[in-house]
Amino acid sequence: MSSSFNQKARELLHSWNIVNVMTLLDEVDKLEARELRSRKFSILNGGPVCTVARK
């Protein structure tokens, strides 16, 4: 988690409403997508994920 994400989450918590909840969920989705993409690249490149799976 980046500090900017934590900062954004804290701001949203202070002014809690449905729009902000949706924004927060949106940010989480983006982070998870980025995480999955980098993990996929690790597998393609024979990275740590791939070696762990092989053992």
Foldseek 3Di string as FASTA:
>chain_A
DDVVLVVLVVVCVVVPDPVSVVVNVVVVVVVVVVVVVVVVVCCVVVHPVNVVVVD
